[in-house]
Amino acid sequence: MRRLGRSLAATLTLVAIAGFAPAEEAAAPRTVVAGSVVDVGRVARGETVEHSFQISNEGNAPLEIVRVKPTCGCTVAEYDEVIAAGESGILRAKLDTSDFRGPIAKSIRVYTNDAANPELRLVIKADVRAQIDVSPGYARFVVVDGEEYGTRRQIVWSPDFDGLELSGPISPYPFVDVSLRKLEPGDSDYRKGSNRWQVDVTLESDAPVGPMADYARVKTNHPRQKMVRIPVSGMVRPILAVTPQVADFGRRDPKETHQATLELKNLGSMAVEVESATTDLPGLEAEVEAVEAGRLFNLVLTLAPGLEKGRFRGKVTLTTSSPRQPIIEIDVTGTVI
């Protein structure tokens, strides 16, 4: 009887010890990056910087790169989507320095299945120095249709290459002219001992109404920068601008009269008159009120009761005394409920 008691006690002791034994660690990846921030130092503007980041998996389960999100200027050329336990992979990034100047730091966010470290931030630093300088460095036009557009002059030179030559100007639009000439003694921007160039960006009179956002390009013989890009941006505005551009009545009760008022503004230098206002939508009347003679008008639209239920669309047509904008058409929309 005594032996049985001892045996039972020993068994219970073993069970108790087993109950307090640590549980086996769950399998999981563990991300380690050697050098998450890299400084490539001074680079020439326009140069593409490449760097391969090493990502290691020191866990005991596969590491998955779920998503990669680079910031402006950075692109990711390739990366290992799955990195086995105990192995390393790479993420190869490229940084285009064409649009930057001075010290920069561009990051890449990397999202993984590592629960303890689900987001990595990789950074490329550089000091971007221009091999070729452009002053002011942009050609911006905010003009009114038919008015004088003018020319935006650029002075181009190289701080470290006295033999700079420019050629082959390329325009971003058929209505933008890009021309160049080497500055000579007597020109106000001429500097002795330095090849300085004048690049003229001219907006032609046939430029259409609308926005601009592109680059004029000029070829160079610089050994480290073969192209100069000059931003061309801005807007050709209409002589007569309507605000808002669409008359939207929204959802309306068919038993009531509804009105909407739009503003018609003359942005040009010459006075303009609105000669008539007509509409192709039954039940809609259009009337023009002069707020400031020749300059500012209100277009009052009145929607009469009794329209059929459902969506309606139509146009209001204005005739004006402007030879460049004799007709203005305005969309009208809404729903009768």
C-alpha atoms as a PDB file:
ATOM      1  CA  MET A   1       0.000   0.000   0.000  1.00  0.00           C
ATOM      2  CA  ARG A   2       2.908   2.344   0.777  1.00  0.00           C
ATOM      3  CA  ARG A   3       4.566   1.590  -2.595  1.00  0.00           C
ATOM      4  CA  LEU A   4       1.364   2.519  -4.480  1.00  0.00           C
ATOM      5  CA  GLY A   5       1.200   5.859  -2.692  1.00  0.00           C
ATOM      6  CA  ARG A   6       4.756   6.721  -3.638  1.00  0.00           C
ATOM      7  CA  SER A   7       4.168   5.770  -7.270  1.00  0.00           C
ATOM      8  CA  LEU A   8       1.034   7.892  -7.456  1.00  0.00           C
ATOM      9  CA  ALA A   9       2.850  10.869  -5.930  1.00  0.00           C
ATOM     10  CA  ALA A  10       5.676  10.569  -8.475  1.00  0.00           C
ATOM     11  CA  THR A  11       3.200  10.434 -11.335  1.00  0.00           C
ATOM     12  CA  LEU A  12       1.388  13.542 -10.105  1.00  0.00           C
ATOM     13  CA  THR A  13       4.727  15.353  -9.782  1.00  0.00           C
ATOM     14  CA  LEU A  14       5.634  14.569 -13.405  1.00  0.00           C
ATOM     15  CA  VAL A  15       2.219  15.750 -14.603  1.00  0.00           C
ATOM     16  CA  ALA A  16       2.582  18.994 -12.658  1.00  0.00           C
ATOM     17  CA  ILE A  17       6.041  19.618 -14.150  1.00  0.00           C
ATOM     18  CA  ALA A  18       4.710  18.929 -17.649  1.00  0.00           C
ATOM     19  CA  GLY A  19       1.856  21.375 -17.081  1.00  0.00           C
ATOM     20  CA  PHE A  20       4.315  24.183 -16.347  1.00  0.00           C
ATOM     21  CA  ALA A  21       6.591  23.454 -19.327  1.00  0.00           C
ATOM     22  CA  PRO A  22       6.857  26.424 -21.741  1.00  0.00           C
ATOM     23  CA  ALA A  23       4.714  26.211 -24.916  1.00  0.00           C
ATOM     24  CA  GLU A  24       6.544  25.862 -28.214  1.00  0.00           C
ATOM     25  CA  GLU A  25       7.106  29.274 -29.887  1.00  0.00           C
ATOM     26  CA  ALA A  26       4.740  29.960 -32.817  1.00  0.00           C
ATOM     27  CA  ALA A  27       6.355  30.154 -36.245  1.00  0.00           C
ATOM     28  CA  ALA A  28       6.715  33.773 -37.486  1.00  0.00           C
ATOM     29  CA  PRO A  29       8.971  35.830 -39.741  1.00  0.00           C
ATOM     30  CA  ARG A  30      11.312  38.493 -38.320  1.00  0.00           C
ATOM     31  CA  THR A  31      12.453  41.366 -40.540  1.00  0.00           C
ATOM     32  CA  VAL A  32      15.963  42.782 -40.272  1.00  0.00           C
ATOM     33  CA  VAL A  33      17.301  45.475 -42.625  1.00  0.00           C
ATOM     34  CA  ALA A  34      20.991  46.241 -42.827  1.00  0.00           C
ATOM     35  CA  GLY A  35      21.140  49.964 -43.546  1.00  0.00           C
ATOM     36  CA  SER A  36      17.579  51.237 -43.904  1.00  0.00           C
ATOM     37  CA  VAL A  37      18.971  54.740 -44.601  1.00  0.00           C
ATOM     38  CA  VAL A  38      21.571  55.253 -47.323  1.00  0.00           C
ATOM     39  CA  ASP A  39      23.282  58.551 -48.155  1.00  0.00           C
ATOM     40  CA  VAL A  40      24.705  58.575 -51.695  1.00  0.00           C
ATOM     41  CA  GLY A  41      26.245  62.031 -51.236  1.00  0.00           C
ATOM     42  CA  ARG A  42      26.549  64.590 -54.018  1.00  0.00           C
ATOM     43  CA  VAL A  43      24.943  63.679 -57.346  1.00  0.00           C
ATOM     44  CA  ALA A  44      24.378  65.555 -60.572  1.00  0.00           C
ATOM     45  CA  ARG A  45      20.845  66.795 -61.131  1.00  0.00           C
ATOM     46  CA  GLY A  46      19.186  64.562 -63.693  1.00  0.00           C
ATOM     47  CA  GLU A  47      21.223  61.530 -62.641  1.00  0.00           C
ATOM     48  CA  THR A  48      19.353  58.358 -61.694  1.00  0.00           C
ATOM     49  CA  VAL A  49      20.553  56.900 -58.389  1.00  0.00           C
ATOM     50  CA  GLU A  50      20.190  53.141 -57.848  1.00  0.00           C
ATOM     51  CA  HIS A  51      20.534  51.258 -54.565  1.00  0.00           C
ATOM     52  CA  SER A  52      19.764  47.713 -53.433  1.00  0.00           C
ATOM     53  CA  PHE A  53      18.495  47.363 -49.861  1.00  0.00           C
ATOM     54  CA  GLN A  54      19.138  43.988 -48.187  1.00  0.00           C
ATOM     55  CA  ILE A  55      16.185  42.585 -46.256  1.00  0.00           C
ATOM     56  CA  SER A  56      16.825  39.531 -44.059  1.00  0.00           C
ATOM     57  CA  ASN A  57      14.368  37.127 -42.469  1.00  0.00           C
ATOM     58  CA  GLU A  58      15.702  35.974 -39.076  1.00  0.00           C
ATOM     59  CA  GLY A  59      12.428  34.316 -38.119  1.00  0.00           C
ATOM     60  CA  ASN A  60      11.239  30.727 -38.586  1.00  0.00           C
ATOM     61  CA  ALA A  61       8.497  31.340 -41.169  1.00  0.00           C
ATOM     62  CA  PRO A  62       8.508  32.867 -44.692  1.00  0.00           C
ATOM     63  CA  LEU A  63       8.598  36.656 -44.846  1.00  0.00           C
ATOM     64  CA  GLU A  64       6.172  38.123 -47.397  1.00  0.00           C
ATOM     65  CA  ILE A  65       6.477  41.641 -48.840  1.00  0.00           C
ATOM     66  CA  VAL A  66       2.820  42.521 -49.302  1.00  0.00           C
ATOM     67  CA  ARG A  67       3.082  46.027 -50.761  1.00  0.00           C
ATOM     68  CA  VAL A  68       5.703  48.649 -51.624  1.00  0.00           C
ATOM     69  CA  LYS A  69       4.881  52.364 -51.713  1.00  0.00           C
ATOM     70  CA  PRO A  70       7.626  54.760 -52.929  1.00  0.00           C
ATOM     71  CA  THR A  71       7.369  58.545 -52.523  1.00  0.00           C
ATOM     72  CA  CYS A  72       7.737  61.135 -55.284  1.00  0.00           C
ATOM     73  CA  GLY A  73      10.842  60.625 -57.403  1.00  0.00           C
ATOM     74  CA  CYS A  74      11.425  57.034 -56.295  1.00  0.00           C
ATOM     75  CA  THR A  75      10.555  53.872 -58.159  1.00  0.00           C
ATOM     76  CA  VAL A  76      11.093  50.264 -57.163  1.00  0.00           C
ATOM     77  CA  ALA A  77      12.660  48.262 -59.973  1.00  0.00           C
ATOM     78  CA  GLU A  78      12.332  44.851 -58.347  1.00  0.00           C
ATOM     79  CA  TYR A  79      12.123  43.074 -55.005  1.00  0.00           C
ATOM     80  CA  ASP A  80      11.828  39.554 -53.578  1.00  0.00           C
ATOM     81  CA  GLU A  81       8.196  39.008 -52.692  1.00  0.00           C
ATOM     82  CA  VAL A  82       8.897  36.013 -50.404  1.00  0.00           C
ATOM     83  CA  ILE A  83      12.051  35.547 -48.315  1.00  0.00           C
ATOM     84  CA  ALA A  84      12.517  32.130 -46.694  1.00  0.00           C
ATOM     85  CA  ALA A  85      13.402  31.758 -43.012  1.00  0.00           C
ATOM     86  CA  GLY A  86      17.086  32.389 -42.475  1.00  0.00           C
ATOM     87  CA  GLU A  87      17.551  33.874 -45.935  1.00  0.00           C
ATOM     88  CA  SER A  88      18.011  37.406 -47.325  1.00  0.00           C
ATOM     89  CA  GLY A  89      16.430  39.215 -50.257  1.00  0.00           C
ATOM     90  CA  ILE A  90      16.832  42.564 -51.985  1.00  0.00           C
ATOM     91  CA  LEU A  91      14.750  45.560 -52.895  1.00  0.00           C
ATOM     92  CA  ARG A  92      16.291  47.568 -55.732  1.00  0.00           C
ATOM     93  CA  ALA A  93      15.210  51.215 -55.831  1.00  0.00           C
ATOM     94  CA  LYS A  94      15.797  54.014 -58.312  1.00  0.00           C
ATOM     95  CA  LEU A  95      15.716  57.756 -57.622  1.00  0.00           C
ATOM     96  CA  ASP A  96      15.294  60.204 -60.513  1.00  0.00           C
ATOM     97  CA  THR A  97      16.861  63.522 -59.455  1.00  0.00           C
ATOM     98  CA  SER A  98      15.668  65.567 -62.458  1.00  0.00           C
ATOM     99  CA  ASP A  99      13.120  67.574 -60.457  1.00  0.00           C
ATOM    100  CA  PHE A 100      15.139  68.106 -57.270  1.00  0.00           C
ATOM    101  CA  ARG A 101      17.764  70.506 -56.038  1.00  0.00           C
ATOM    102  CA  GLY A 102      19.833  70.512 -52.855  1.00  0.00           C
ATOM    103  CA  PRO A 103      19.659  67.965 -49.992  1.00  0.00           C
ATOM    104  CA  ILE A 104      16.772  65.492 -50.355  1.00  0.00           C
ATOM    105  CA  ALA A 105      15.531  62.400 -48.508  1.00  0.00           C
ATOM    106  CA  LYS A 106      13.111  60.131 -50.381  1.00  0.00           C
ATOM    107  CA  SER A 107      11.495  57.166 -48.684  1.00  0.00           C
ATOM    108  CA  ILE A 108       9.985  53.826 -49.633  1.00  0.00           C
ATOM    109  CA  ARG A 109       7.427  52.204 -47.357  1.00  0.00           C
ATOM    110  CA  VAL A 110       7.509  48.414 -47.343  1.00  0.00           C
ATOM    111  CA  TYR A 111       4.582  46.455 -45.859  1.00  0.00           C
ATOM    112  CA  THR A 112       5.190  42.851 -44.714  1.00  0.00           C
ATOM    113  CA  ASN A 113       3.499  39.971 -42.904  1.00  0.00           C
ATOM    114  CA  ASP A 114       5.836  40.417 -39.913  1.00  0.00           C
ATOM    115  CA  ALA A 115       3.294  41.153 -37.170  1.00  0.00           C
ATOM    116  CA  ALA A 116       5.973  42.657 -34.928  1.00  0.00           C
ATOM    117  CA  ASN A 117       7.313  44.946 -37.659  1.00  0.00           C
ATOM    118  CA  PRO A 118       4.633  45.247 -40.394  1.00  0.00           C
ATOM    119  CA  GLU A 119       5.958  48.466 -41.968  1.00  0.00           C
ATOM    120  CA  LEU A 120       9.532  49.320 -42.953  1.00  0.00           C
ATOM    121  CA  ARG A 121      10.784  52.740 -44.057  1.00  0.00           C
ATOM    122  CA  LEU A 122      13.747  52.741 -46.409  1.00  0.00           C
ATOM    123  CA  VAL A 123      15.363  56.107 -47.192  1.00  0.00           C
ATOM    124  CA  ILE A 124      17.692  57.356 -49.938  1.00  0.00           C
ATOM    125  CA  LYS A 125      19.455  60.645 -49.184  1.00  0.00           C
ATOM    126  CA  ALA A 126      21.329  62.740 -51.717  1.00  0.00           C
ATOM    127  CA  ASP A 127      22.698  66.228 -52.261  1.00  0.00           C
ATOM    128  CA  VAL A 128      21.487  67.146 -55.739  1.00  0.00           C
ATOM    129  CA  ARG A 129      23.677  69.704 -57.478  1.00  0.00           C
ATOM    130  CA  ALA A 130      22.873  71.217 -60.845  1.00  0.00           C
ATOM    131  CA  GLN A 131      25.422  70.581 -63.558  1.00  0.00           C
ATOM    132  CA  ILE A 132      23.481  73.141 -65.577  1.00  0.00           C
ATOM    133  CA  ASP A 133      21.686  76.107 -64.008  1.00  0.00           C
ATOM    134  CA  VAL A 134      18.543  77.704 -65.440  1.00  0.00           C
ATOM    135  CA  SER A 135      17.171  81.041 -64.269  1.00  0.00           C
ATOM    136  CA  PRO A 136      14.351  81.491 -63.433  1.00  0.00           C
ATOM    137  CA  GLY A 137      13.958  77.806 -64.285  1.00  0.00           C
ATOM    138  CA  TYR A 138      10.303  77.805 -65.363  1.00  0.00           C
ATOM    139  CA  ALA A 139       8.011  79.404 -67.960  1.00  0.00           C
ATOM    140  CA  ARG A 140       4.561  80.125 -66.524  1.00  0.00           C
ATOM    141  CA  PHE A 141       1.728  81.750 -68.469  1.00  0.00           C
ATOM    142  CA  VAL A 142      -1.584  82.876 -66.963  1.00  0.00           C
ATOM    143  CA  VAL A 143      -3.187  84.793 -69.804  1.00  0.00           C
ATOM    144  CA  VAL A 144      -6.547  85.614 -71.344  1.00  0.00           C
ATOM    145  CA  ASP A 145      -7.492  84.308 -74.776  1.00  0.00           C
ATOM    146  CA  GLY A 146      -6.660  86.872 -77.444  1.00  0.00           C
ATOM    147  CA  GLU A 147      -4.554  89.068 -75.171  1.00  0.00           C
ATOM    148  CA  GLU A 148      -0.768  89.508 -75.413  1.00  0.00           C
ATOM    149  CA  TYR A 149       0.926  86.314 -74.287  1.00  0.00           C
ATOM    150  CA  GLY A 150       4.600  87.261 -74.361  1.00  0.00           C
ATOM    151  CA  THR A 151       7.855  85.349 -73.912  1.00  0.00           C
ATOM    152  CA  ARG A 152       9.393  83.828 -70.803  1.00  0.00           C
ATOM    153  CA  ARG A 153      13.190  84.195 -71.033  1.00  0.00           C
ATOM    154  CA  GLN A 154      15.584  81.689 -69.460  1.00  0.00           C
ATOM    155  CA  ILE A 155      19.334  82.079 -68.911  1.00  0.00           C
ATOM    156  CA  VAL A 156      21.230  78.768 -69.032  1.00  0.00           C
ATOM    157  CA  TRP A 157      24.836  78.105 -67.983  1.00  0.00           C
ATOM    158  CA  SER A 158      27.070  75.506 -66.321  1.00  0.00           C
ATOM    159  CA  PRO A 159      29.054  76.278 -63.138  1.00  0.00           C
ATOM    160  CA  ASP A 160      31.686  73.642 -63.952  1.00  0.00           C
ATOM    161  CA  PHE A 161      31.761  73.340 -67.768  1.00  0.00           C
ATOM    162  CA  ASP A 162      32.770  76.453 -69.682  1.00  0.00           C
ATOM    163  CA  GLY A 163      32.304  74.842 -73.086  1.00  0.00           C
ATOM    164  CA  LEU A 164      28.537  74.425 -72.767  1.00  0.00           C
ATOM    165  CA  GLU A 165      26.667  74.223 -76.059  1.00  0.00           C
ATOM    166  CA  LEU A 166      22.894  73.950 -76.481  1.00  0.00           C
ATOM    167  CA  SER A 167      20.988  72.565 -79.459  1.00  0.00           C
ATOM    168  CA  GLY A 168      17.770  70.913 -80.605  1.00  0.00           C
ATOM    169  CA  PRO A 169      15.082  72.797 -78.661  1.00  0.00           C
ATOM    170  CA  ILE A 170      11.945  70.686 -78.267  1.00  0.00           C
ATOM    171  CA  SER A 171       8.551  72.291 -77.603  1.00  0.00           C
ATOM    172  CA  PRO A 172       5.929  70.519 -75.484  1.00  0.00           C
ATOM    173  CA  TYR A 173       3.031  71.980 -77.508  1.00  0.00           C
ATOM    174  CA  PRO A 174       2.497  73.035 -81.135  1.00  0.00           C
ATOM    175  CA  PHE A 175       1.483  76.506 -79.923  1.00  0.00           C
ATOM    176  CA  VAL A 176       4.654  77.034 -77.839  1.00  0.00           C
ATOM    177  CA  ASP A 177       7.858  78.164 -79.569  1.00  0.00           C
ATOM    178  CA  VAL A 178      11.248  77.401 -78.010  1.00  0.00           C
ATOM    179  CA  SER A 179      14.298  79.194 -79.413  1.00  0.00           C
ATOM    180  CA  LEU A 180      17.868  79.667 -78.191  1.00  0.00           C
ATOM    181  CA  ARG A 181      20.993  81.739 -78.811  1.00  0.00           C
ATOM    182  CA  LYS A 182      24.410  82.081 -77.207  1.00  0.00           C
ATOM    183  CA  LEU A 183      24.862  85.334 -75.317  1.00  0.00           C
ATOM    184  CA  GLU A 184      27.454  87.747 -76.692  1.00  0.00           C
ATOM    185  CA  PRO A 185      29.462  90.619 -75.149  1.00  0.00           C
ATOM    186  CA  GLY A 186      27.041  93.493 -74.718  1.00  0.00           C
ATOM    187  CA  ASP A 187      24.131  91.295 -73.609  1.00  0.00           C
ATOM    188  CA  SER A 188      23.073  92.133 -70.065  1.00  0.00           C
ATOM    189  CA  ASP A 189      23.360  88.503 -68.892  1.00  0.00           C
ATOM    190  CA  TYR A 190      26.707  87.837 -70.599  1.00  0.00           C
ATOM    191  CA  ARG A 191      29.566  86.735 -68.318  1.00  0.00           C
ATOM    192  CA  LYS A 192      33.142  86.636 -69.557  1.00  0.00           C
ATOM    193  CA  GLY A 193      34.695  83.185 -69.498  1.00  0.00           C
ATOM    194  CA  SER A 194      31.354  81.364 -69.319  1.00  0.00           C
ATOM    195  CA  ASN A 195      29.184  80.124 -72.149  1.00  0.00           C
ATOM    196  CA  ARG A 196      25.773  81.464 -71.235  1.00  0.00           C
ATOM    197  CA  TRP A 197      22.677  80.880 -73.334  1.00  0.00           C
ATOM    198  CA  GLN A 198      19.294  82.519 -73.668  1.00  0.00           C
ATOM    199  CA  VAL A 199      16.297  80.224 -74.168  1.00  0.00           C
ATOM    200  CA  ASP A 200      13.040  81.965 -75.082  1.00  0.00           C
ATOM    201  CA  VAL A 201       9.732  80.182 -74.471  1.00  0.00           C
ATOM    202  CA  THR A 202       6.949  81.958 -76.367  1.00  0.00           C
ATOM    203  CA  LEU A 203       3.221  81.237 -76.191  1.00  0.00           C
ATOM    204  CA  GLU A 204       1.723  81.731 -79.665  1.00  0.00           C
ATOM    205  CA  SER A 205      -1.521  83.574 -80.358  1.00  0.00           C
ATOM    206  CA  ASP A 206      -3.284  80.371 -81.485  1.00  0.00           C
ATOM    207  CA  ALA A 207      -2.914  78.719 -78.061  1.00  0.00           C
ATOM    208  CA  PRO A 208      -6.239  77.111 -77.101  1.00  0.00           C
ATOM    209  CA  VAL A 209      -8.134  77.866 -73.904  1.00  0.00           C
ATOM    210  CA  GLY A 210      -7.118  75.436 -71.159  1.00  0.00           C
ATOM    211  CA  PRO A 211      -4.303  74.399 -68.794  1.00  0.00           C
ATOM    212  CA  MET A 212      -0.653  73.658 -69.603  1.00  0.00           C
ATOM    213  CA  ALA A 213       1.710  71.374 -67.692  1.00  0.00           C
ATOM    214  CA  ASP A 214       4.724  69.944 -69.522  1.00  0.00           C
ATOM    215  CA  TYR A 215       8.425  70.577 -70.224  1.00  0.00           C
ATOM    216  CA  ALA A 216      10.414  72.346 -72.918  1.00  0.00           C
ATOM    217  CA  ARG A 217      13.625  70.401 -73.591  1.00  0.00           C
ATOM    218  CA  VAL A 218      17.028  71.463 -74.868  1.00  0.00           C
ATOM    219  CA  LYS A 219      19.946  69.151 -75.708  1.00  0.00           C
ATOM    220  CA  THR A 220      23.397  69.889 -74.268  1.00  0.00           C
ATOM    221  CA  ASN A 221      26.979  68.711 -74.743  1.00  0.00           C
ATOM    222  CA  HIS A 222      27.607  68.550 -70.986  1.00  0.00           C
ATOM    223  CA  PRO A 223      29.326  65.230 -70.164  1.00  0.00           C
ATOM    224  CA  ARG A 224      27.024  64.585 -67.178  1.00  0.00           C
ATOM    225  CA  GLN A 225      23.737  66.207 -68.236  1.00  0.00           C
ATOM    226  CA  LYS A 226      22.588  65.717 -71.797  1.00  0.00           C
ATOM    227  CA  MET A 227      19.205  67.402 -71.480  1.00  0.00           C
ATOM    228  CA  VAL A 228      17.787  70.522 -69.830  1.00  0.00           C
ATOM    229  CA  ARG A 229      14.093  70.489 -68.926  1.00  0.00           C
ATOM    230  CA  ILE A 230      12.191  73.751 -68.394  1.00  0.00           C
ATOM    231  CA  PRO A 231       8.675  73.458 -66.929  1.00  0.00           C
ATOM    232  CA  VAL A 232       5.985  75.125 -69.061  1.00  0.00           C
ATOM    233  CA  SER A 233       2.791  75.633 -67.085  1.00  0.00           C
ATOM    234  CA  GLY A 234      -0.182  77.905 -66.588  1.00  0.00           C
ATOM    235  CA  MET A 235      -3.535  78.567 -68.170  1.00  0.00           C
ATOM    236  CA  VAL A 236      -5.091  80.280 -71.159  1.00  0.00           C
ATOM    237  CA  ARG A 237      -8.329  81.627 -69.708  1.00  0.00           C
ATOM    238  CA  PRO A 238     -11.460  82.365 -71.744  1.00  0.00           C
ATOM    239  CA  ILE A 239     -12.460  85.986 -72.233  1.00  0.00           C
ATOM    240  CA  LEU A 240     -15.842  85.262 -70.697  1.00  0.00           C
ATOM    241  CA  ALA A 241     -15.811  82.838 -67.774  1.00  0.00           C
ATOM    242  CA  VAL A 242     -19.016  81.303 -66.388  1.00  0.00           C
ATOM    243  CA  THR A 243     -19.200  80.253 -62.722  1.00  0.00           C
ATOM    244  CA  PRO A 244     -20.305  77.566 -62.062  1.00  0.00           C
ATOM    245  CA  GLN A 245     -19.700  76.012 -65.456  1.00  0.00           C
ATOM    246  CA  VAL A 246     -22.834  73.833 -65.237  1.00  0.00           C
ATOM    247  CA  ALA A 247     -26.276  74.906 -64.003  1.00  0.00           C
ATOM    248  CA  ASP A 248     -27.332  71.961 -61.841  1.00  0.00           C
ATOM    249  CA  PHE A 249     -30.797  72.353 -60.273  1.00  0.00           C
ATOM    250  CA  GLY A 250     -30.437  69.122 -58.316  1.00  0.00           C
ATOM    251  CA  ARG A 251     -33.669  67.403 -57.173  1.00  0.00           C
ATOM    252  CA  ARG A 252     -36.697  69.659 -57.512  1.00  0.00           C
ATOM    253  CA  ASP A 253     -40.420  69.581 -56.668  1.00  0.00           C
ATOM    254  CA  PRO A 254     -42.457  69.856 -59.909  1.00  0.00           C
ATOM    255  CA  LYS A 255     -45.054  72.074 -58.200  1.00  0.00           C
ATOM    256  CA  GLU A 256     -42.661  74.907 -57.402  1.00  0.00           C
ATOM    257  CA  THR A 257     -40.705  77.545 -59.344  1.00  0.00           C
ATOM    258  CA  HIS A 258     -36.934  77.275 -58.972  1.00  0.00           C
ATOM    259  CA  GLN A 259     -34.116  79.683 -59.818  1.00  0.00           C
ATOM    260  CA  ALA A 260     -30.366  79.375 -60.304  1.00  0.00           C
ATOM    261  CA  THR A 261     -27.935  82.262 -60.789  1.00  0.00           C
ATOM    262  CA  LEU A 262     -24.625  81.975 -62.625  1.00  0.00           C
ATOM    263  CA  GLU A 263     -21.918  84.638 -62.878  1.00  0.00           C
ATOM    264  CA  LEU A 264     -20.479  85.687 -66.223  1.00  0.00           C
ATOM    265  CA  LYS A 265     -17.219  87.591 -65.881  1.00  0.00           C
ATOM    266  CA  ASN A 266     -15.245  89.382 -68.587  1.00  0.00           C
ATOM    267  CA  LEU A 267     -11.552  88.657 -68.013  1.00  0.00           C
ATOM    268  CA  GLY A 268     -10.358  90.511 -71.098  1.00  0.00           C
ATOM    269  CA  SER A 269      -9.277  94.113 -71.483  1.00  0.00           C
ATOM    270  CA  MET A 270     -12.126  95.158 -73.827  1.00  0.00           C
ATOM    271  CA  ALA A 271     -15.749  95.606 -72.764  1.00  0.00           C
ATOM    272  CA  VAL A 272     -18.151  92.886 -73.935  1.00  0.00           C
ATOM    273  CA  GLU A 273     -21.932  92.862 -74.152  1.00  0.00           C
ATOM    274  CA  VAL A 274     -24.242  89.858 -73.870  1.00  0.00           C
ATOM    275  CA  GLU A 275     -26.707  90.245 -76.741  1.00  0.00           C
ATOM    276  CA  SER A 276     -29.115  87.346 -76.113  1.00  0.00           C
ATOM    277  CA  ALA A 277     -29.788  84.303 -73.949  1.00  0.00           C
ATOM    278  CA  THR A 278     -31.852  81.347 -75.204  1.00  0.00           C
ATOM    279  CA  THR A 279     -32.518  77.801 -73.997  1.00  0.00           C
ATOM    280  CA  ASP A 280     -33.599  74.543 -75.630  1.00  0.00           C
ATOM    281  CA  LEU A 281     -35.251  73.230 -72.444  1.00  0.00           C
ATOM    282  CA  PRO A 282     -39.061  73.708 -72.254  1.00  0.00           C
ATOM    283  CA  GLY A 283     -40.082  75.400 -69.025  1.00  0.00           C
ATOM    284  CA  LEU A 284     -36.715  77.116 -68.537  1.00  0.00           C
ATOM    285  CA  GLU A 285     -36.273  80.868 -68.967  1.00  0.00           C
ATOM    286  CA  ALA A 286     -32.883  82.627 -69.167  1.00  0.00           C
ATOM    287  CA  GLU A 287     -32.322  86.314 -68.395  1.00  0.00           C
ATOM    288  CA  VAL A 288     -29.064  88.303 -68.273  1.00  0.00           C
ATOM    289  CA  GLU A 289     -28.629  91.110 -65.753  1.00  0.00           C
ATOM    290  CA  ALA A 290     -25.714  93.551 -66.077  1.00  0.00           C
ATOM    291  CA  VAL A 291     -23.968  93.997 -62.724  1.00  0.00           C
ATOM    292  CA  GLU A 292     -21.103  96.060 -64.155  1.00  0.00           C
ATOM    293  CA  ALA A 293     -21.541  97.227 -67.738  1.00  0.00           C
ATOM    294  CA  GLY A 294     -19.284  95.337 -70.136  1.00  0.00           C
ATOM    295  CA  ARG A 295     -17.520  93.482 -67.302  1.00  0.00           C
ATOM    296  CA  LEU A 296     -19.809  91.450 -65.037  1.00  0.00           C
ATOM    297  CA  PHE A 297     -23.217  89.821 -65.552  1.00  0.00           C
ATOM    298  CA  ASN A 298     -25.629  87.525 -63.734  1.00  0.00           C
ATOM    299  CA  LEU A 299     -27.383  84.817 -65.720  1.00  0.00           C
ATOM    300  CA  VAL A 300     -30.686  84.075 -63.967  1.00  0.00           C
ATOM    301  CA  LEU A 301     -32.324  80.766 -64.887  1.00  0.00           C
ATOM    302  CA  THR A 302     -35.948  80.183 -63.883  1.00  0.00           C
ATOM    303  CA  LEU A 303     -37.454  76.698 -63.951  1.00  0.00           C
ATOM    304  CA  ALA A 304     -41.243  76.848 -64.212  1.00  0.00           C
ATOM    305  CA  PRO A 305     -43.519  74.348 -62.401  1.00  0.00           C
ATOM    306  CA  GLY A 306     -45.218  71.529 -64.265  1.00  0.00           C
ATOM    307  CA  LEU A 307     -42.199  69.656 -65.699  1.00  0.00           C
ATOM    308  CA  GLU A 308     -42.501  65.902 -66.102  1.00  0.00           C
ATOM    309  CA  LYS A 309     -40.849  63.731 -63.471  1.00  0.00           C
ATOM    310  CA  GLY A 310     -37.393  62.406 -64.173  1.00  0.00           C
ATOM    311  CA  ARG A 311     -33.958  63.581 -65.210  1.00  0.00           C
ATOM    312  CA  PHE A 312     -33.713  66.605 -67.524  1.00  0.00           C
ATOM    313  CA  ARG A 313     -30.845  68.028 -69.581  1.00  0.00           C
ATOM    314  CA  GLY A 314     -30.589  71.080 -71.772  1.00  0.00           C
ATOM    315  CA  LYS A 315     -28.457  74.025 -72.826  1.00  0.00           C
ATOM    316  CA  VAL A 316     -28.458  77.772 -72.454  1.00  0.00           C
ATOM    317  CA  THR A 317     -26.881  79.634 -75.369  1.00  0.00           C
ATOM    318  CA  LEU A 318     -25.483  83.138 -74.973  1.00  0.00           C
ATOM    319  CA  THR A 319     -24.492  85.362 -77.890  1.00  0.00           C
ATOM    320  CA  THR A 320     -21.934  88.070 -77.155  1.00  0.00           C
ATOM    321  CA  SER A 321     -20.151  90.950 -78.866  1.00  0.00           C
ATOM    322  CA  SER A 322     -16.755  89.260 -78.437  1.00  0.00           C
ATOM    323  CA  PRO A 323     -15.295  88.247 -81.818  1.00  0.00           C
ATOM    324  CA  ARG A 324     -13.217  85.495 -80.151  1.00  0.00           C
ATOM    325  CA  GLN A 325     -16.068  84.127 -78.040  1.00  0.00           C
ATOM    326  CA  PRO A 326     -19.321  85.007 -79.830  1.00  0.00           C
ATOM    327  CA  ILE A 327     -21.181  81.938 -78.526  1.00  0.00           C
ATOM    328  CA  ILE A 328     -21.198  80.456 -75.007  1.00  0.00           C
ATOM    329  CA  GLU A 329     -23.079  77.231 -74.267  1.00  0.00           C
ATOM    330  CA  ILE A 330     -23.930  76.232 -70.695  1.00  0.00           C
ATOM    331  CA  ASP A 331     -25.235  72.784 -69.728  1.00  0.00           C
ATOM    332  CA  VAL A 332     -28.360  72.616 -67.548  1.00  0.00           C
ATOM    333  CA  THR A 333     -29.184  69.476 -65.532  1.00  0.00           C
ATOM    334  CA  GLY A 334     -31.513  68.397 -62.762  1.00  0.00           C
ATOM    335  CA  THR A 335     -34.178  65.930 -61.647  1.00  0.00           C
ATOM    336  CA  VAL A 336     -37.897  66.480 -61.107  1.00  0.00           C
ATOM    337  CA  ILE A 337     -39.051  64.248 -58.237  1.00  0.00           C
END
